[in-house]
C-alpha atoms as a PDB file:
ATOM      1  CA  MET A   1      32.590 -15.323 -15.071  1.00  0.00           C
ATOM      2  CA  PRO A   2      31.280 -13.923 -11.741  1.00  0.00           C
ATOM      3  CA  PHE A   3      27.706 -15.121 -12.297  1.00  0.00           C
ATOM      4  CA  SER A   4      26.882 -18.802 -12.242  1.00  0.00           C
ATOM      5  CA  PRO A   5      23.883 -20.142 -14.221  1.00  0.00           C
ATOM      6  CA  LEU A   6      21.997 -20.435 -10.931  1.00  0.00           C
ATOM      7  CA  ASP A   7      22.784 -16.786 -10.105  1.00  0.00           C
ATOM      8  CA  LEU A   8      21.427 -15.685 -13.480  1.00  0.00           C
ATOM      9  CA  THR A   9      18.290 -17.808 -13.069  1.00  0.00           C
ATOM     10  CA  ALA A  10      17.582 -16.381  -9.621  1.00  0.00           C
ATOM     11  CA  LEU A  11      18.193 -12.846 -10.895  1.00  0.00           C
ATOM     12  CA  LEU A  12      15.806 -13.379 -13.815  1.00  0.00           C
ATOM     13  CA  VAL A  13      13.082 -14.695 -11.486  1.00  0.00           C
ATOM     14  CA  PHE A  14      13.610 -11.677  -9.228  1.00  0.00           C
ATOM     15  CA  ALA A  15      13.347  -9.235 -12.126  1.00  0.00           C
ATOM     16  CA  VAL A  16      10.143 -10.815 -13.443  1.00  0.00           C
ATOM     17  CA  ALA A  17       8.582 -10.959  -9.972  1.00  0.00           C
ATOM     18  CA  TRP A  18       9.528  -7.370  -9.166  1.00  0.00           C
ATOM     19  CA  LEU A  19       8.417  -5.786 -12.422  1.00  0.00           C
ATOM     20  CA  ALA A  20       5.359  -7.921 -13.146  1.00  0.00           C
ATOM     21  CA  TYR A  21       3.899  -8.301  -9.642  1.00  0.00           C
ATOM     22  CA  GLU A  22       1.593  -5.271  -9.634  1.00  0.00           C
ATOM     23  CA  PRO A  23       0.171  -5.667 -13.183  1.00  0.00           C
ATOM     24  CA  LEU A  24      -0.419  -9.389 -12.629  1.00  0.00           C
ATOM     25  CA  LEU A  25      -2.101  -8.790  -9.264  1.00  0.00           C
ATOM     26  CA  LYS A  26      -4.424  -6.200 -10.786  1.00  0.00           C
ATOM     27  CA  ALA A  27      -5.342  -8.556 -13.622  1.00  0.00           C
ATOM     28  CA  ALA A  28      -5.896 -11.535 -11.302  1.00  0.00           C
ATOM     29  CA  ALA A  29      -7.848  -9.555  -8.704  1.00  0.00           C
ATOM     30  CA  ARG A  30     -10.162  -7.724 -11.087  1.00  0.00           C
ATOM     31  CA  GLY A  31     -13.655  -8.461  -9.830  1.00  0.00           C
ATOM     32  CA  ARG A  32     -12.433 -11.211  -7.466  1.00  0.00           C
ATOM     33  CA  GLY A  33     -11.223  -9.207  -4.491  1.00  0.00           C
ATOM     34  CA  ALA A  34      -7.815  -8.061  -3.279  1.00  0.00           C
ATOM     35  CA  ILE A  35      -6.951  -5.436  -0.713  1.00  0.00           C
ATOM     36  CA  ASN A  36      -5.625  -2.896  -3.208  1.00  0.00           C
ATOM     37  CA  THR A  37      -8.524  -3.212  -5.634  1.00  0.00           C
ATOM     38  CA  ASP A  38     -11.230  -3.352  -2.952  1.00  0.00           C
ATOM     39  CA  LEU A  39      -9.825  -0.256  -1.284  1.00  0.00           C
ATOM     40  CA  THR A  40     -10.294   1.753  -4.475  1.00  0.00           C
ATOM     41  CA  LEU A  41     -14.065   1.561  -4.000  1.00  0.00           C
ATOM     42  CA  ILE A  42     -13.773   2.277  -0.275  1.00  0.00           C
ATOM     43  CA  ARG A  43     -11.672   5.371  -0.975  1.00  0.00           C
ATOM     44  CA  LEU A  44     -14.119   6.452  -3.667  1.00  0.00           C
ATOM     45  CA  THR A  45     -16.920   6.258  -1.101  1.00  0.00           C
ATOM     46  CA  TRP A  46     -14.761   8.174   1.386  1.00  0.00           C
ATOM     47  CA  MET A  47     -14.134  11.013  -1.044  1.00  0.00           C
ATOM     48  CA  LYS A  48     -17.830  11.225  -1.961  1.00  0.00           C
ATOM     49  CA  ASN A  49     -18.704  11.422   1.726  1.00  0.00           C
ATOM     50  CA  MET A  50     -15.983  14.024   2.226  1.00  0.00           C
ATOM     51  CA  ALA A  51     -17.464  16.201  -0.491  1.00  0.00           C
ATOM     52  CA  GLY A  52     -20.848  16.031   1.231  1.00  0.00           C
ATOM     53  CA  ARG A  53     -19.618  16.794   4.754  1.00  0.00           C
ATOM     54  CA  GLU A  54     -19.867  20.291   6.134  1.00  0.00           C
ATOM     55  CA  ASN A  55     -16.916  19.786   8.494  1.00  0.00           C
ATOM     56  CA  LYS A  56     -13.942  18.245   6.688  1.00  0.00           C
ATOM     57  CA  PHE A  57     -11.501  18.455   9.601  1.00  0.00           C
ATOM     58  CA  MET A  58     -11.507  14.658  10.092  1.00  0.00           C
ATOM     59  CA  ASP A  59     -10.697  14.065   6.405  1.00  0.00           C
ATOM     60  CA  GLY A  60      -7.745  16.435   6.587  1.00  0.00           C
ATOM     61  CA  GLN A  61      -6.512  14.675   9.736  1.00  0.00           C
ATOM     62  CA  LEU A  62      -6.691  11.264   8.075  1.00  0.00           C
ATOM     63  CA  LEU A  63      -4.808  12.480   5.015  1.00  0.00           C
ATOM     64  CA  GLY A  64      -2.220  14.121   7.251  1.00  0.00           C
ATOM     65  CA  HIS A  65      -1.683  10.810   9.049  1.00  0.00           C
ATOM     66  CA  VAL A  66      -1.000   9.024   5.761  1.00  0.00           C
ATOM     67  CA  LEU A  67       1.320  11.841   4.709  1.00  0.00           C
ATOM     68  CA  ASN A  68       3.291  11.484   7.946  1.00  0.00           C
ATOM     69  CA  SER A  69       3.559   7.726   7.422  1.00  0.00           C
ATOM     70  CA  ALA A  70       4.898   8.202   3.887  1.00  0.00           C
ATOM     71  CA  SER A  71       7.404  10.778   5.152  1.00  0.00           C
ATOM     72  CA  PHE A  72       8.598   8.365   7.853  1.00  0.00           C
ATOM     73  CA  PHE A  73       9.131   5.560   5.362  1.00  0.00           C
ATOM     74  CA  ALA A  74      10.911   7.915   2.956  1.00  0.00           C
ATOM     75  CA  SER A  75      13.287   9.004   5.743  1.00  0.00           C
ATOM     76  CA  SER A  76      13.941   5.373   6.679  1.00  0.00           C
ATOM     77  CA  ASN A  77      14.649   4.573   3.040  1.00  0.00           C
ATOM     78  CA  LEU A  78      17.233   7.333   2.864  1.00  0.00           C
ATOM     79  CA  ILE A  79      19.060   5.877   5.862  1.00  0.00           C
ATOM     80  CA  LEU A  80      19.065   2.391   4.338  1.00  0.00           C
ATOM     81  CA  ILE A  81      20.206   3.738   0.978  1.00  0.00           C
ATOM     82  CA  ALA A  82      23.087   5.577   2.674  1.00  0.00           C
ATOM     83  CA  ALA A  83      24.083   2.363   4.480  1.00  0.00           C
ATOM     84  CA  ALA A  84      23.956   0.287   1.284  1.00  0.00           C
ATOM     85  CA  ALA A  85      25.901   2.945  -0.626  1.00  0.00           C
ATOM     86  CA  GLY A  86      28.529   2.964   2.115  1.00  0.00           C
ATOM     87  CA  VAL A  87      29.002  -0.785   1.690  1.00  0.00           C
ATOM     88  CA  LEU A  88      28.988  -0.540  -2.104  1.00  0.00           C
ATOM     89  CA  PHE A  89      31.674   2.122  -2.194  1.00  0.00           C
ATOM     90  CA  GLY A  90      33.650   0.699   0.705  1.00  0.00           C
ATOM     91  CA  GLY A  91      36.238  -0.773  -1.629  1.00  0.00           C
ATOM     92  CA  GLU A  92      38.419  -3.827  -1.186  1.00  0.00           C
ATOM     93  CA  SER A  93      38.370  -3.721   2.627  1.00  0.00           C
ATOM     94  CA  THR A  94      34.560  -4.011   2.714  1.00  0.00           C
ATOM     95  CA  PHE A  95      34.637  -6.938   0.279  1.00  0.00           C
ATOM     96  CA  ARG A  96      37.288  -8.759   2.339  1.00  0.00           C
ATOM     97  CA  SER A  97      35.326  -8.230   5.556  1.00  0.00           C
ATOM     98  CA  ALA A  98      32.096  -9.500   3.989  1.00  0.00           C
ATOM     99  CA  SER A  99      33.657 -12.466   2.201  1.00  0.00           C
ATOM    100  CA  SER A 100      35.323 -13.588   5.434  1.00  0.00           C
ATOM    101  CA  LEU A 101      31.898 -14.370   6.892  1.00  0.00           C
ATOM    102  CA  VAL A 102      30.924 -17.994   6.425  1.00  0.00           C
ATOM    103  CA  VAL A 103      27.274 -17.206   5.638  1.00  0.00           C
ATOM    104  CA  ILE A 104      28.111 -14.759   2.829  1.00  0.00           C
ATOM    105  CA  LYS A 105      28.245 -16.540  -0.535  1.00  0.00           C
ATOM    106  CA  THR A 106      30.044 -14.205  -2.912  1.00  0.00           C
ATOM    107  CA  SER A 107      32.830 -15.414  -5.173  1.00  0.00           C
ATOM    108  CA  THR A 108      34.283 -12.160  -6.507  1.00  0.00           C
ATOM    109  CA  ARG A 109      34.244  -8.484  -5.673  1.00  0.00           C
ATOM    110  CA  LEU A 110      32.266  -7.792  -8.856  1.00  0.00           C
ATOM    111  CA  LEU A 111      29.516 -10.205  -7.782  1.00  0.00           C
ATOM    112  CA  PHE A 112      29.471  -8.715  -4.283  1.00  0.00           C
ATOM    113  CA  GLU A 113      29.134  -5.184  -5.630  1.00  0.00           C
ATOM    114  CA  PHE A 114      26.350  -6.266  -7.974  1.00  0.00           C
ATOM    115  CA  GLN A 115      24.496  -7.895  -5.076  1.00  0.00           C
ATOM    116  CA  ILE A 116      24.695  -4.722  -2.976  1.00  0.00           C
ATOM    117  CA  ALA A 117      23.806  -2.583  -5.995  1.00  0.00           C
ATOM    118  CA  LEU A 118      20.607  -4.598  -6.497  1.00  0.00           C
ATOM    119  CA  VAL A 119      19.581  -3.899  -2.897  1.00  0.00           C
ATOM    120  CA  LEU A 120      20.364  -0.227  -3.476  1.00  0.00           C
ATOM    121  CA  VAL A 121      18.247  -0.108  -6.648  1.00  0.00           C
ATOM    122  CA  ALA A 122      15.275  -1.753  -4.906  1.00  0.00           C
ATOM    123  CA  LEU A 123      15.472   0.769  -2.064  1.00  0.00           C
ATOM    124  CA  ALA A 124      15.905   3.683  -4.475  1.00  0.00           C
ATOM    125  CA  ARG A 125      12.821   2.711  -6.425  1.00  0.00           C
ATOM    126  CA  GLY A 126      10.880   2.517  -3.169  1.00  0.00           C
ATOM    127  CA  LEU A 127      12.120   5.981  -2.219  1.00  0.00           C
ATOM    128  CA  LEU A 128      10.901   7.409  -5.525  1.00  0.00           C
ATOM    129  CA  ASP A 129       7.496   5.813  -4.899  1.00  0.00           C
ATOM    130  CA  PHE A 130       7.312   7.376  -1.434  1.00  0.00           C
ATOM    131  CA  ILE A 131       8.302  10.792  -2.784  1.00  0.00           C
ATOM    132  CA  TRP A 132       5.605  10.582  -5.466  1.00  0.00           C
ATOM    133  CA  ALA A 133       3.078   9.487  -2.835  1.00  0.00           C
ATOM    134  CA  ILE A 134       3.987  12.472  -0.653  1.00  0.00           C
ATOM    135  CA  ARG A 135       3.558  14.899  -3.528  1.00  0.00           C
ATOM    136  CA  GLN A 136       0.171  13.476  -4.477  1.00  0.00           C
ATOM    137  CA  MET A 137      -0.983  13.454  -0.846  1.00  0.00           C
ATOM    138  CA  ASN A 138      -0.204  17.170  -0.684  1.00  0.00           C
ATOM    139  CA  TYR A 139      -2.394  17.638  -3.745  1.00  0.00           C
ATOM    140  CA  CYS A 140      -5.157  15.667  -1.982  1.00  0.00           C
ATOM    141  CA  ILE A 141      -5.004  17.945   1.059  1.00  0.00           C
ATOM    142  CA  ALA A 142      -5.539  20.936  -1.220  1.00  0.00           C
ATOM    143  CA  VAL A 143      -8.507  19.164  -2.816  1.00  0.00           C
ATOM    144  CA  VAL A 144     -10.097  18.568   0.591  1.00  0.00           C
ATOM    145  CA  GLY A 145      -9.537  22.186   1.564  1.00  0.00           C
ATOM    146  CA  ALA A 146     -11.038  23.432  -1.712  1.00  0.00           C
ATOM    147  CA  ALA A 147     -14.214  21.313  -1.512  1.00  0.00           C
ATOM    148  CA  PRO A 148     -17.116  23.795  -1.735  1.00  0.00           C
ATOM    149  CA  ASP A 149     -20.135  23.767   0.554  1.00  0.00           C
ATOM    150  CA  THR A 150     -23.037  23.036  -1.761  1.00  0.00           C
ATOM    151  CA  GLU A 151     -26.342  21.183  -1.724  1.00  0.00           C
ATOM    152  CA  ASP A 152     -25.934  19.962  -5.306  1.00  0.00           C
ATOM    153  CA  GLN A 153     -25.630  16.190  -4.849  1.00  0.00           C
ATOM    154  CA  ALA A 154     -24.558  15.570  -8.451  1.00  0.00           C
ATOM    155  CA  PHE A 155     -21.738  18.084  -8.059  1.00  0.00           C
ATOM    156  CA  LYS A 156     -20.632  16.509  -4.760  1.00  0.00           C
ATOM    157  CA  ASP A 157     -20.549  13.064  -6.399  1.00  0.00           C
ATOM    158  CA  ARG A 158     -18.464  14.342  -9.311  1.00  0.00           C
ATOM    159  CA  TYR A 159     -16.118  16.147  -6.926  1.00  0.00           C
ATOM    160  CA  GLY A 160     -15.709  13.022  -4.819  1.00  0.00           C
ATOM    161  CA  GLU A 161     -14.982  10.891  -7.892  1.00  0.00           C
ATOM    162  CA  ALA A 162     -12.345  13.352  -9.086  1.00  0.00           C
ATOM    163  CA  ALA A 163     -10.772  13.441  -5.621  1.00  0.00           C
ATOM    164  CA  ALA A 164     -10.667   9.612  -5.559  1.00  0.00           C
ATOM    165  CA  ARG A 165      -8.852   9.604  -8.911  1.00  0.00           C
ATOM    166  CA  LEU A 166      -6.133  11.601  -7.153  1.00  0.00           C
ATOM    167  CA  LEU A 167      -6.156   9.764  -3.828  1.00  0.00           C
ATOM    168  CA  ASN A 168      -6.013   6.230  -5.217  1.00  0.00           C
ATOM    169  CA  PRO A 169      -2.792   6.704  -7.228  1.00  0.00           C
ATOM    170  CA  ALA A 170      -1.226   8.480  -4.241  1.00  0.00           C
ATOM    171  CA  LEU A 171      -1.847   5.510  -1.967  1.00  0.00           C
ATOM    172  CA  SER A 172      -0.913   3.112  -4.769  1.00  0.00           C
ATOM    173  CA  ALA A 173       2.505   4.785  -4.864  1.00  0.00           C
ATOM    174  CA  PHE A 174       2.716   4.463  -1.065  1.00  0.00           C
ATOM    175  CA  ASN A 175       1.901   0.738  -1.336  1.00  0.00           C
ATOM    176  CA  ALA A 176       4.562   0.315  -4.009  1.00  0.00           C
ATOM    177  CA  GLY A 177       7.118   1.956  -1.737  1.00  0.00           C
ATOM    178  CA  VAL A 178       6.276  -0.402   1.130  1.00  0.00           C
ATOM    179  CA  ARG A 179       6.392  -3.351  -1.263  1.00  0.00           C
ATOM    180  CA  GLY A 180       9.905  -2.252  -2.199  1.00  0.00           C
ATOM    181  CA  TYR A 181      11.098  -3.381   1.242  1.00  0.00           C
ATOM    182  CA  TYR A 182      10.033  -6.950   0.457  1.00  0.00           C
ATOM    183  CA  PHE A 183      12.056  -6.964  -2.747  1.00  0.00           C
ATOM    184  CA  ALA A 184      15.016  -5.241  -1.084  1.00  0.00           C
ATOM    185  CA  LEU A 185      15.067  -8.063   1.465  1.00  0.00           C
ATOM    186  CA  ALA A 186      14.873 -10.598  -1.358  1.00  0.00           C
ATOM    187  CA  ALA A 187      17.773  -8.878  -3.106  1.00  0.00           C
ATOM    188  CA  ALA A 188      19.783  -8.925   0.127  1.00  0.00           C
ATOM    189  CA  ALA A 189      19.220 -12.684   0.341  1.00  0.00           C
ATOM    190  CA  TRP A 190      21.459 -13.035  -2.723  1.00  0.00           C
ATOM    191  CA  LEU A 191      24.405 -12.447  -0.391  1.00  0.00           C
ATOM    192  CA  PHE A 192      23.647 -15.843   1.128  1.00  0.00           C
ATOM    193  CA  GLY A 193      23.718 -17.589  -2.234  1.00  0.00           C
ATOM    194  CA  PRO A 194      21.515 -17.958  -5.332  1.00  0.00           C
ATOM    195  CA  ILE A 195      19.323 -20.630  -3.713  1.00  0.00           C
ATOM    196  CA  SER A 196      18.514 -18.272  -0.838  1.00  0.00           C
ATOM    197  CA  PHE A 197      17.918 -15.473  -3.344  1.00  0.00           C
ATOM    198  CA  LEU A 198      15.449 -17.600  -5.308  1.00  0.00           C
ATOM    199  CA  VAL A 199      13.632 -18.945  -2.245  1.00  0.00           C
ATOM    200  CA  VAL A 200      13.250 -15.543  -0.561  1.00  0.00           C
ATOM    201  CA  THR A 201      12.064 -13.925  -3.819  1.00  0.00           C
ATOM    202  CA  LEU A 202       9.361 -16.540  -4.315  1.00  0.00           C
ATOM    203  CA  GLY A 203       8.531 -16.395  -0.621  1.00  0.00           C
ATOM    204  CA  ALA A 204       8.151 -12.598  -0.680  1.00  0.00           C
ATOM    205  CA  VAL A 205       5.834 -12.726  -3.696  1.00  0.00           C
ATOM    206  CA  SER A 206       3.790 -15.548  -2.150  1.00  0.00           C
ATOM    207  CA  LEU A 207       3.462 -13.617   1.111  1.00  0.00           C
ATOM    208  CA  LEU A 208       2.367 -10.459  -0.709  1.00  0.00           C
ATOM    209  CA  ILE A 209      -0.263 -12.339  -2.728  1.00  0.00           C
ATOM    210  CA  TRP A 210      -1.517 -14.205   0.339  1.00  0.00           C
ATOM    211  CA  ARG A 211      -1.912 -10.972   2.285  1.00  0.00           C
ATOM    212  CA  GLN A 212      -3.714  -9.352  -0.643  1.00  0.00           C
ATOM    213  CA  ARG A 213      -6.149 -12.204  -1.284  1.00  0.00           C
ATOM    214  CA  HIS A 214      -6.446 -14.539   1.714  1.00  0.00           C
ATOM    215  CA  SER A 215      -5.480 -12.705   4.918  1.00  0.00           C
ATOM    216  CA  LYS A 216      -8.043 -11.740   7.565  1.00  0.00           C
ATOM    217  CA  ALA A 217      -7.567  -8.106   6.583  1.00  0.00           C
ATOM    218  CA  ALA A 218      -8.388  -8.940   2.956  1.00  0.00           C
ATOM    219  CA  ALA A 219     -11.580 -10.749   4.021  1.00  0.00           C
ATOM    220  CA  ALA A 220     -12.678  -7.829   6.212  1.00  0.00           C
ATOM    221  CA  ILE A 221     -12.005  -5.260   3.487  1.00  0.00           C
ATOM    222  CA  ARG A 222     -13.862  -7.437   0.967  1.00  0.00           C
ATOM    223  CA  ASP A 223     -16.882  -7.499   3.288  1.00  0.00           C
ATOM    224  CA  LEU A 224     -16.713  -3.724   3.753  1.00  0.00           C
ATOM    225  CA  ARG A 225     -16.586  -3.213   0.008  1.00  0.00           C
ATOM    226  CA  THR A 226     -19.690  -5.364  -0.333  1.00  0.00           C
ATOM    227  CA  LEU A 227     -21.489  -3.288   2.281  1.00  0.00           C
ATOM    228  CA  LEU A 228     -20.549  -0.051   0.551  1.00  0.00           C
ATOM    229  CA  GLY A 229     -21.416  -1.225  -2.956  1.00  0.00           C
ATOM    230  CA  THR A 230     -20.753  -4.228  -5.144  1.00  0.00           C
ATOM    231  CA  GLY A 231     -20.345  -2.414  -8.442  1.00  0.00           C
ATOM    232  CA  PRO A 232     -17.044  -2.479 -10.316  1.00  0.00           C
ATOM    233  CA  VAL A 233     -14.494   0.218  -9.634  1.00  0.00           C
ATOM    234  CA  PRO A 234     -14.560   2.849 -12.402  1.00  0.00           C
ATOM    235  CA  PRO A 235     -11.391   2.648 -14.549  1.00  0.00           C
ATOM    236  CA  ALA A 236     -10.509   6.264 -13.771  1.00  0.00           C
ATOM    237  CA  ALA A 237     -10.526   5.503 -10.073  1.00  0.00           C
ATOM    238  CA  GLY A 238      -8.051   2.633 -10.332  1.00  0.00           C
ATOM    239  CA  GLU A 239      -4.586   2.370  -8.851  1.00  0.00           C
ATOM    240  CA  GLU A 240      -2.538   3.464 -11.851  1.00  0.00           C
ATOM    241  CA  ARG A 241       0.547   5.478 -11.055  1.00  0.00           C
END
């Protein structure tokens, strides 16, 4: 059997951490403060202000910057996916070269291919998130361009809320794509053995949670949310994808 009990345990922990991280973070951070949840209110305020501005050039520039960032990460993902696929389909010679390294802990070719395939899957999921973010950001640019010039404050508020319901999922998808790099690195740690795989997985999740809840950036964003408004984020303006 290519998988030891420790390999299976580490793989199970990885799967739970990868699939359950975002829902658990949303549940734990609801009303208590985390970067992703606090930013939903900040973006809502941004879109309301956008709808009330006569000149929306700055808003289009900011959205274009995010779109360029997502495109850069998507391109980088493609390069990494091509590299991982090259190793995966390299055949027996690639396995012999890798297994000859002292630091690589892989017992059989099947285990080695599964380890590389897991890295490939993590990167591929991140790529899909970036592609979805890019598509939604293009929709957001159209929304900014279509914002009418009106003095009706109620209409501007409704328009801003609707725009935020589009912008928040777009940037949620972008965040998920970036988070995919953490889990791709954790998956790559499996090559150094199941203990390394388990430690790096737990370390990646701990680092993500710490940055979301306890980093200096999280504290600053929490203060900014308080300045902008302390009310709960409307469900429709959440980070669902």
